Amino acid sequence: MEDLIYVDELVLDDEEDTMVLSQAQKEVIWEEKQRNFDINSVLQQFSLKKELFIIHKEEDIHNFYDIEETILGEGSFGVVRRGTDKDTDEIRAIKSIKKSRIRNKTRLLNELSTLKTLDHPNIVKLFEVYEDSESIHLVMEYCSGGELFDQILGQ
């Protein structure tokens, strides 16, 4: 916003031949500084972080995603399948981790918390986390092209 000074609000100081702000202008400037100070202090305390937008739901993932039976990848804790968001038709990779195979749930949740904060073009994005009685499901960015390890070996 531009500060405008109107000629009729100025008073000339005859001794120094300089412009002096009127009392009304000084009050307006002071109020503007106060408003900016308050806004700035609020903005410093409030920040949007990526992890605030990643939802952790204790609901059945099948209410939200159609999950294919074909396994895209498999690890020691679970499997990855392709899923389609029922509302948006977005394709996602869904990693399902059996709770019975989790030795340290606190460690897993800490790792998920870290993953939620990461936002880089070379790191797969985590969008949502679903938890039911048997599994924790990570809804992640779908990357076609196979396993990274296979890509490395192929080069």
N, C-alpha and C. Protein backbone atom coordinates (compact mmCIF):
# COMPACT_ATOMS: atom_id res chain seq x y z
N MET A 1 0.84 -1.17 0.00
CA MET A 1 0.00 0.00 0.00
C MET A 1 0.89 1.23 0.00
N GLU A 2 0.55 2.24 -0.79
CA GLU A 2 1.32 3.46 -0.92
C GLU A 2 0.87 4.46 0.12
N ASP A 3 1.82 5.16 0.73
CA ASP A 3 1.48 6.24 1.64
C ASP A 3 1.28 7.51 0.83
N LEU A 4 0.14 8.14 0.98
CA LEU A 4 -0.14 9.39 0.27
C LEU A 4 -0.16 10.52 1.27
N ILE A 5 0.48 11.61 0.94
CA ILE A 5 0.46 12.81 1.78
C ILE A 5 -0.22 13.90 0.97
N TYR A 6 -1.30 14.42 1.52
CA TYR A 6 -2.05 15.46 0.83
C TYR A 6 -1.50 16.82 1.24
N VAL A 7 -1.44 17.71 0.27
CA VAL A 7 -0.84 19.03 0.49
C VAL A 7 -1.54 19.79 1.60
N ASP A 8 -2.86 19.71 1.68
CA ASP A 8 -3.59 20.47 2.69
C ASP A 8 -3.37 19.93 4.11
N GLU A 9 -2.73 18.79 4.25
CA GLU A 9 -2.45 18.24 5.57
C GLU A 9 -1.06 18.61 6.07
N LEU A 10 -0.30 19.28 5.24
CA LEU A 10 1.06 19.63 5.61
C LEU A 10 1.12 21.04 6.20
N VAL A 11 2.03 21.22 7.10
CA VAL A 11 2.28 22.53 7.68
C VAL A 11 3.74 22.85 7.42
N LEU A 12 4.01 24.03 6.95
CA LEU A 12 5.40 24.41 6.70
C LEU A 12 5.99 25.01 7.97
N ASP A 13 7.17 24.58 8.30
CA ASP A 13 7.90 25.14 9.42
C ASP A 13 8.73 26.29 8.84
N ASP A 14 8.35 27.53 9.17
CA ASP A 14 8.99 28.71 8.59
C ASP A 14 10.47 28.80 8.92
N GLU A 15 10.84 28.37 10.12
CA GLU A 15 12.24 28.51 10.52
C GLU A 15 13.16 27.64 9.67
N GLU A 16 12.76 26.40 9.42
CA GLU A 16 13.63 25.50 8.67
C GLU A 16 13.17 25.32 7.23
N ASP A 17 12.00 25.88 6.90
CA ASP A 17 11.42 25.76 5.58
C ASP A 17 11.29 24.30 5.15
N THR A 18 10.86 23.45 6.10
CA THR A 18 10.64 22.04 5.81
C THR A 18 9.19 21.70 6.12
N MET A 19 8.75 20.56 5.60
CA MET A 19 7.38 20.13 5.85
C MET A 19 7.31 19.37 7.16
N VAL A 20 6.27 19.62 7.92
CA VAL A 20 6.04 18.95 9.18
C VAL A 20 4.66 18.29 9.09
N LEU A 21 4.57 17.07 9.58
CA LEU A 21 3.29 16.37 9.55
C LEU A 21 2.34 16.96 10.57
N SER A 22 1.06 17.03 10.21
CA SER A 22 0.05 17.49 11.15
C SER A 22 -0.17 16.43 12.21
N GLN A 23 -0.80 16.80 13.30
CA GLN A 23 -1.07 15.86 14.39
C GLN A 23 -1.95 14.71 13.90
N ALA A 24 -2.91 15.02 13.05
CA ALA A 24 -3.80 13.98 12.51
C ALA A 24 -3.01 12.97 11.69
N GLN A 25 -2.06 13.45 10.90
CA GLN A 25 -1.24 12.54 10.11
C GLN A 25 -0.36 11.69 11.00
N LYS A 26 0.19 12.28 12.04
CA LYS A 26 1.04 11.52 12.97
C LYS A 26 0.23 10.40 13.61
N GLU A 27 -1.02 10.70 13.96
CA GLU A 27 -1.87 9.68 14.57
C GLU A 27 -2.18 8.55 13.58
N VAL A 28 -2.43 8.92 12.32
CA VAL A 28 -2.71 7.91 11.30
C VAL A 28 -1.49 7.03 11.10
N ILE A 29 -0.32 7.62 11.03
CA ILE A 29 0.92 6.85 10.86
C ILE A 29 1.14 5.94 12.06
N TRP A 30 0.91 6.47 13.27
CA TRP A 30 1.09 5.66 14.48
C TRP A 30 0.12 4.48 14.47
N GLU A 31 -1.15 4.74 14.10
CA GLU A 31 -2.14 3.66 14.05
C GLU A 31 -1.75 2.61 13.00
N GLU A 32 -1.23 3.06 11.87
CA GLU A 32 -0.79 2.14 10.82
C GLU A 32 0.37 1.27 11.32
N LYS A 33 1.31 1.87 12.03
CA LYS A 33 2.43 1.11 12.59
C LYS A 33 1.92 0.09 13.60
N GLN A 34 0.97 0.49 14.43
CA GLN A 34 0.39 -0.44 15.41
C GLN A 34 -0.28 -1.62 14.72
N ARG A 35 -1.05 -1.31 13.66
CA ARG A 35 -1.73 -2.36 12.92
C ARG A 35 -0.72 -3.33 12.31
N ASN A 36 0.32 -2.79 11.70
CA ASN A 36 1.36 -3.63 11.11
C ASN A 36 2.08 -4.44 12.17
N PHE A 37 2.35 -3.84 13.30
CA PHE A 37 3.03 -4.56 14.38
C PHE A 37 2.18 -5.74 14.84
N ASP A 38 0.90 -5.51 15.05
CA ASP A 38 0.02 -6.58 15.50
C ASP A 38 -0.05 -7.70 14.46
N ILE A 39 -0.18 -7.35 13.21
CA ILE A 39 -0.26 -8.35 12.15
C ILE A 39 1.04 -9.14 12.08
N ASN A 40 2.16 -8.43 12.14
CA ASN A 40 3.45 -9.11 12.07
C ASN A 40 3.66 -10.06 13.24
N SER A 41 3.25 -9.65 14.43
CA SER A 41 3.43 -10.54 15.58
C SER A 41 2.55 -11.78 15.46
N VAL A 42 1.36 -11.61 14.91
CA VAL A 42 0.48 -12.76 14.69
C VAL A 42 1.08 -13.68 13.62
N LEU A 43 1.57 -13.09 12.54
CA LEU A 43 2.15 -13.89 11.46
C LEU A 43 3.37 -14.67 11.91
N GLN A 44 4.14 -14.10 12.83
CA GLN A 44 5.32 -14.80 13.33
C GLN A 44 4.92 -16.04 14.12
N GLN A 45 3.79 -15.97 14.80
CA GLN A 45 3.34 -17.10 15.62
C GLN A 45 2.59 -18.14 14.80
N PHE A 46 2.10 -17.74 13.65
CA PHE A 46 1.28 -18.63 12.83
C PHE A 46 2.01 -18.94 11.54
N SER A 47 2.22 -20.21 11.30
CA SER A 47 2.83 -20.60 10.03
C SER A 47 2.17 -21.88 9.55
N LEU A 48 2.04 -21.99 8.26
CA LEU A 48 1.47 -23.19 7.67
C LEU A 48 2.58 -24.17 7.39
N LYS A 49 2.40 -25.37 7.84
CA LYS A 49 3.40 -26.41 7.63
C LYS A 49 2.75 -27.55 6.87
N LYS A 50 3.53 -28.19 6.03
CA LYS A 50 3.03 -29.28 5.20
C LYS A 50 2.35 -30.36 6.03
N GLU A 51 2.94 -30.70 7.16
CA GLU A 51 2.40 -31.81 7.94
C GLU A 51 1.00 -31.52 8.49
N LEU A 52 0.60 -30.25 8.55
CA LEU A 52 -0.75 -29.91 9.00
C LEU A 52 -1.81 -30.37 8.01
N PHE A 53 -1.41 -30.57 6.76
CA PHE A 53 -2.36 -30.94 5.72
C PHE A 53 -2.40 -32.43 5.45
N ILE A 54 -1.55 -33.21 6.08
CA ILE A 54 -1.54 -34.65 5.89
C ILE A 54 -2.44 -35.27 6.95
N ILE A 55 -3.47 -35.90 6.48
CA ILE A 55 -4.52 -36.39 7.36
C ILE A 55 -4.19 -37.80 7.87
N HIS A 56 -4.42 -38.02 9.15
CA HIS A 56 -4.29 -39.36 9.75
C HIS A 56 -5.69 -39.74 10.22
N LYS A 57 -6.30 -40.66 9.49
CA LYS A 57 -7.68 -41.06 9.78
C LYS A 57 -7.71 -42.47 10.35
N GLU A 58 -8.51 -42.66 11.34
CA GLU A 58 -8.74 -44.00 11.88
C GLU A 58 -10.05 -44.51 11.28
N GLU A 59 -10.01 -44.72 9.97
CA GLU A 59 -11.18 -45.16 9.22
C GLU A 59 -10.75 -46.21 8.20
N ASP A 60 -11.74 -46.87 7.63
CA ASP A 60 -11.49 -47.88 6.61
C ASP A 60 -11.09 -47.19 5.31
N ILE A 61 -9.89 -47.45 4.85
CA ILE A 61 -9.37 -46.82 3.63
C ILE A 61 -10.23 -47.14 2.42
N HIS A 62 -10.90 -48.28 2.44
CA HIS A 62 -11.72 -48.71 1.30
C HIS A 62 -12.94 -47.82 1.10
N ASN A 63 -13.29 -47.01 2.10
CA ASN A 63 -14.36 -46.04 1.93
C ASN A 63 -13.92 -44.88 1.03
N PHE A 64 -12.62 -44.70 0.88
CA PHE A 64 -12.08 -43.56 0.16
C PHE A 64 -11.30 -43.94 -1.11
N TYR A 65 -10.79 -45.17 -1.15
CA TYR A 65 -9.95 -45.60 -2.27
C TYR A 65 -10.38 -46.96 -2.79
N ASP A 66 -10.32 -47.11 -4.11
CA ASP A 66 -10.43 -48.42 -4.75
C ASP A 66 -9.00 -48.93 -4.87
N ILE A 67 -8.70 -50.04 -4.22
CA ILE A 67 -7.34 -50.57 -4.19
C ILE A 67 -7.27 -51.83 -5.04
N GLU A 68 -6.32 -51.84 -5.97
CA GLU A 68 -6.15 -52.99 -6.86
C GLU A 68 -5.49 -54.14 -6.10
N GLU A 69 -5.75 -55.35 -6.55
CA GLU A 69 -5.17 -56.55 -5.92
C GLU A 69 -3.70 -56.74 -6.29
N THR A 70 -3.32 -56.26 -7.47
CA THR A 70 -1.94 -56.45 -7.94
C THR A 70 -0.96 -55.72 -7.02
N ILE A 71 0.07 -56.45 -6.60
CA ILE A 71 1.09 -55.88 -5.72
C ILE A 71 2.18 -55.23 -6.57
N LEU A 72 2.44 -53.95 -6.31
CA LEU A 72 3.48 -53.21 -7.04
C LEU A 72 4.86 -53.44 -6.42
N GLY A 73 4.87 -53.60 -5.12
CA GLY A 73 6.13 -53.80 -4.41
C GLY A 73 5.86 -54.44 -3.06
N GLU A 74 6.89 -55.07 -2.52
CA GLU A 74 6.72 -55.78 -1.26
C GLU A 74 7.97 -55.60 -0.42
N GLY A 75 7.75 -55.35 0.87
CA GLY A 75 8.86 -55.20 1.80
C GLY A 75 8.66 -56.09 3.00
N SER A 76 9.51 -55.94 3.99
CA SER A 76 9.42 -56.80 5.18
C SER A 76 8.21 -56.47 6.04
N PHE A 77 7.67 -55.26 5.91
CA PHE A 77 6.53 -54.88 6.75
C PHE A 77 5.20 -54.90 6.04
N GLY A 78 5.20 -54.82 4.72
CA GLY A 78 3.92 -54.76 4.03
C GLY A 78 4.08 -54.72 2.53
N VAL A 79 2.98 -54.34 1.87
CA VAL A 79 2.92 -54.33 0.41
C VAL A 79 2.47 -52.97 -0.10
N VAL A 80 2.78 -52.71 -1.37
CA VAL A 80 2.33 -51.48 -2.03
C VAL A 80 1.44 -51.87 -3.19
N ARG A 81 0.27 -51.23 -3.23
CA ARG A 81 -0.69 -51.45 -4.31
C ARG A 81 -1.10 -50.10 -4.89
N ARG A 82 -1.63 -50.16 -6.09
CA ARG A 82 -2.15 -48.95 -6.74
C ARG A 82 -3.58 -48.72 -6.27
N GLY A 83 -3.88 -47.47 -5.94
CA GLY A 83 -5.22 -47.12 -5.50
C GLY A 83 -5.73 -45.89 -6.23
N THR A 84 -7.05 -45.80 -6.34
CA THR A 84 -7.68 -44.66 -6.99
C THR A 84 -8.62 -43.98 -6.01
N ASP A 85 -8.43 -42.68 -5.83
CA ASP A 85 -9.30 -41.90 -4.94
C ASP A 85 -10.71 -41.90 -5.52
N LYS A 86 -11.69 -42.28 -4.73
CA LYS A 86 -13.07 -42.39 -5.21
C LYS A 86 -13.68 -41.04 -5.57
N ASP A 87 -13.22 -39.97 -4.93
CA ASP A 87 -13.77 -38.64 -5.22
C ASP A 87 -13.09 -37.95 -6.39
N THR A 88 -11.78 -38.07 -6.48
CA THR A 88 -11.02 -37.28 -7.47
C THR A 88 -10.45 -38.10 -8.62
N ASP A 89 -10.50 -39.42 -8.53
CA ASP A 89 -9.89 -40.32 -9.52
C ASP A 89 -8.37 -40.19 -9.59
N GLU A 90 -7.75 -39.60 -8.58
CA GLU A 90 -6.29 -39.51 -8.52
C GLU A 90 -5.72 -40.90 -8.25
N ILE A 91 -4.63 -41.22 -8.94
CA ILE A 91 -3.94 -42.50 -8.74
C ILE A 91 -2.90 -42.30 -7.64
N ARG A 92 -2.87 -43.20 -6.68
CA ARG A 92 -1.92 -43.13 -5.56
C ARG A 92 -1.30 -44.51 -5.34
N ALA A 93 -0.14 -44.51 -4.73
CA ALA A 93 0.47 -45.76 -4.25
C ALA A 93 0.06 -45.90 -2.79
N ILE A 94 -0.46 -47.05 -2.44
CA ILE A 94 -0.92 -47.28 -1.07
C ILE A 94 -0.07 -48.38 -0.45
N LYS A 95 0.70 -47.98 0.54
CA LYS A 95 1.56 -48.93 1.25
C LYS A 95 0.82 -49.36 2.51
N SER A 96 0.54 -50.65 2.59
CA SER A 96 -0.19 -51.20 3.74
C SER A 96 0.79 -51.96 4.63
N ILE A 97 0.85 -51.54 5.88
CA ILE A 97 1.76 -52.14 6.85
C ILE A 97 0.93 -52.85 7.91
N LYS A 98 1.14 -54.15 8.04
CA LYS A 98 0.42 -54.94 9.05
C LYS A 98 0.90 -54.53 10.44
N LYS A 99 -0.04 -54.22 11.31
CA LYS A 99 0.32 -53.82 12.68
C LYS A 99 1.03 -54.95 13.42
N SER A 100 0.69 -56.18 13.09
CA SER A 100 1.31 -57.33 13.77
C SER A 100 2.81 -57.43 13.47
N ARG A 101 3.25 -56.81 12.37
CA ARG A 101 4.67 -56.85 12.00
C ARG A 101 5.46 -55.66 12.53
N ILE A 102 4.76 -54.70 13.11
CA ILE A 102 5.43 -53.51 13.63
C ILE A 102 5.97 -53.82 15.02
N ARG A 103 7.28 -53.72 15.16
CA ARG A 103 7.91 -53.99 16.46
C ARG A 103 7.86 -52.77 17.37
N ASN A 104 8.00 -51.59 16.77
CA ASN A 104 8.06 -50.37 17.56
C ASN A 104 7.16 -49.32 16.90
N LYS A 105 5.90 -49.26 17.37
CA LYS A 105 4.93 -48.35 16.75
C LYS A 105 5.35 -46.89 16.94
N THR A 106 5.95 -46.56 18.08
CA THR A 106 6.40 -45.19 18.32
C THR A 106 7.42 -44.76 17.28
N ARG A 107 8.36 -45.66 16.98
CA ARG A 107 9.38 -45.35 15.98
C ARG A 107 8.74 -45.14 14.61
N LEU A 108 7.78 -45.99 14.25
CA LEU A 108 7.09 -45.85 12.98
C LEU A 108 6.38 -44.50 12.91
N LEU A 109 5.67 -44.13 13.97
CA LEU A 109 4.95 -42.86 13.98
C LEU A 109 5.92 -41.68 13.91
N ASN A 110 7.09 -41.80 14.54
CA ASN A 110 8.11 -40.75 14.44
C ASN A 110 8.61 -40.62 13.00
N GLU A 111 8.83 -41.76 12.34
CA GLU A 111 9.27 -41.74 10.95
C GLU A 111 8.20 -41.14 10.04
N LEU A 112 6.94 -41.46 10.32
CA LEU A 112 5.84 -40.86 9.55
C LEU A 112 5.79 -39.36 9.77
N SER A 113 6.00 -38.94 11.00
CA SER A 113 6.02 -37.52 11.31
C SER A 113 7.10 -36.80 10.52
N THR A 114 8.27 -37.43 10.41
CA THR A 114 9.36 -36.86 9.62
C THR A 114 8.99 -36.83 8.14
N LEU A 115 8.42 -37.92 7.66
CA LEU A 115 8.03 -38.00 6.25
C LEU A 115 7.01 -36.93 5.90
N LYS A 116 6.13 -36.61 6.84
CA LYS A 116 5.11 -35.59 6.61
C LYS A 116 5.73 -34.21 6.36
N THR A 117 6.90 -33.97 6.92
CA THR A 117 7.52 -32.65 6.78
C THR A 117 8.32 -32.49 5.50
N LEU A 118 8.63 -33.60 4.82
CA LEU A 118 9.48 -33.54 3.64
C LEU A 118 8.69 -33.11 2.41
N ASP A 119 9.27 -32.20 1.66
CA ASP A 119 8.65 -31.75 0.43
C ASP A 119 9.77 -31.44 -0.56
N HIS A 120 10.08 -32.41 -1.41
CA HIS A 120 11.16 -32.28 -2.37
C HIS A 120 10.78 -33.06 -3.62
N PRO A 121 11.13 -32.55 -4.80
CA PRO A 121 10.73 -33.25 -6.03
C PRO A 121 11.30 -34.66 -6.16
N ASN A 122 12.38 -34.97 -5.46
CA ASN A 122 12.99 -36.30 -5.56
C ASN A 122 12.60 -37.23 -4.42
N ILE A 123 11.66 -36.81 -3.60
CA ILE A 123 11.18 -37.65 -2.50
C ILE A 123 9.69 -37.88 -2.70
N VAL A 124 9.28 -39.14 -2.61
CA VAL A 124 7.87 -39.49 -2.78
C VAL A 124 7.05 -38.78 -1.70
N LYS A 125 5.95 -38.17 -2.13
CA LYS A 125 5.11 -37.41 -1.21
C LYS A 125 4.12 -38.32 -0.48
N LEU A 126 3.94 -38.04 0.79
CA LEU A 126 2.93 -38.71 1.60
C LEU A 126 1.72 -37.80 1.66
N PHE A 127 0.54 -38.32 1.29
CA PHE A 127 -0.67 -37.51 1.27
C PHE A 127 -1.57 -37.76 2.46
N GLU A 128 -1.76 -39.03 2.81
CA GLU A 128 -2.68 -39.37 3.89
C GLU A 128 -2.20 -40.63 4.60
N VAL A 129 -2.70 -40.82 5.82
CA VAL A 129 -2.44 -42.04 6.58
C VAL A 129 -3.78 -42.53 7.10
N TYR A 130 -4.07 -43.80 6.85
CA TYR A 130 -5.28 -44.43 7.37
C TYR A 130 -4.86 -45.54 8.30
N GLU A 131 -5.64 -45.73 9.35
CA GLU A 131 -5.33 -46.78 10.31
C GLU A 131 -6.62 -47.52 10.65
N ASP A 132 -6.56 -48.84 10.51
CA ASP A 132 -7.69 -49.67 10.92
C ASP A 132 -7.19 -50.67 11.95
N SER A 133 -7.99 -51.64 12.30
CA SER A 133 -7.62 -52.58 13.36
C SER A 133 -6.42 -53.45 12.99
N GLU A 134 -6.20 -53.68 11.70
CA GLU A 134 -5.13 -54.59 11.27
C GLU A 134 -3.91 -53.91 10.67
N SER A 135 -4.11 -52.76 10.03
CA SER A 135 -3.02 -52.16 9.24
C SER A 135 -2.96 -50.65 9.36
N ILE A 136 -1.80 -50.13 8.99
CA ILE A 136 -1.62 -48.70 8.76
C ILE A 136 -1.37 -48.56 7.26
N HIS A 137 -2.13 -47.67 6.63
CA HIS A 137 -2.05 -47.49 5.17
C HIS A 137 -1.50 -46.10 4.88
N LEU A 138 -0.41 -46.06 4.12
CA LEU A 138 0.19 -44.80 3.72
C LEU A 138 -0.22 -44.50 2.29
N VAL A 139 -0.90 -43.40 2.07
CA VAL A 139 -1.31 -43.00 0.73
C VAL A 139 -0.24 -42.05 0.22
N MET A 140 0.47 -42.51 -0.81
CA MET A 140 1.63 -41.79 -1.29
C MET A 140 1.53 -41.48 -2.78
N GLU A 141 2.42 -40.63 -3.22
CA GLU A 141 2.52 -40.29 -4.64
C GLU A 141 2.82 -41.56 -5.44
N TYR A 142 2.09 -41.73 -6.54
CA TYR A 142 2.30 -42.89 -7.39
C TYR A 142 3.40 -42.57 -8.39
N CYS A 143 4.43 -43.39 -8.42
CA CYS A 143 5.54 -43.21 -9.36
C CYS A 143 5.61 -44.44 -10.25
N SER A 144 5.34 -44.26 -11.52
CA SER A 144 5.44 -45.39 -12.44
C SER A 144 6.90 -45.57 -12.83
N GLY A 145 7.23 -46.72 -13.33
CA GLY A 145 8.61 -46.94 -13.79
C GLY A 145 9.32 -48.03 -13.03
N GLY A 146 8.66 -48.66 -12.09
CA GLY A 146 9.27 -49.79 -11.39
C GLY A 146 10.08 -49.40 -10.16
N GLU A 147 10.85 -50.37 -9.70
CA GLU A 147 11.66 -50.21 -8.50
C GLU A 147 12.88 -49.33 -8.77
N LEU A 148 13.23 -48.50 -7.81
CA LEU A 148 14.42 -47.66 -7.92
C LEU A 148 15.67 -48.52 -8.06
N PHE A 149 15.74 -49.60 -7.29
CA PHE A 149 16.90 -50.49 -7.34
C PHE A 149 17.10 -51.06 -8.74
N ASP A 150 15.99 -51.47 -9.37
CA ASP A 150 16.06 -52.00 -10.74
C ASP A 150 16.54 -50.93 -11.72
N GLN A 151 16.10 -49.70 -11.50
CA GLN A 151 16.53 -48.59 -12.36
C GLN A 151 18.03 -48.34 -12.22
N ILE A 152 18.53 -48.43 -10.99
CA ILE A 152 19.96 -48.23 -10.74
C ILE A 152 20.78 -49.33 -11.40
N LEU A 153 20.33 -50.58 -11.26
CA LEU A 153 21.04 -51.70 -11.88
C LEU A 153 21.04 -51.62 -13.40
N GLY A 154 19.97 -51.07 -13.96
CA GLY A 154 19.84 -50.97 -15.40
C GLY A 154 20.77 -49.95 -16.02
N GLN A 155 21.29 -49.04 -15.23
CA GLN A 155 22.17 -47.99 -15.78
C GLN A 155 23.53 -48.49 -15.84
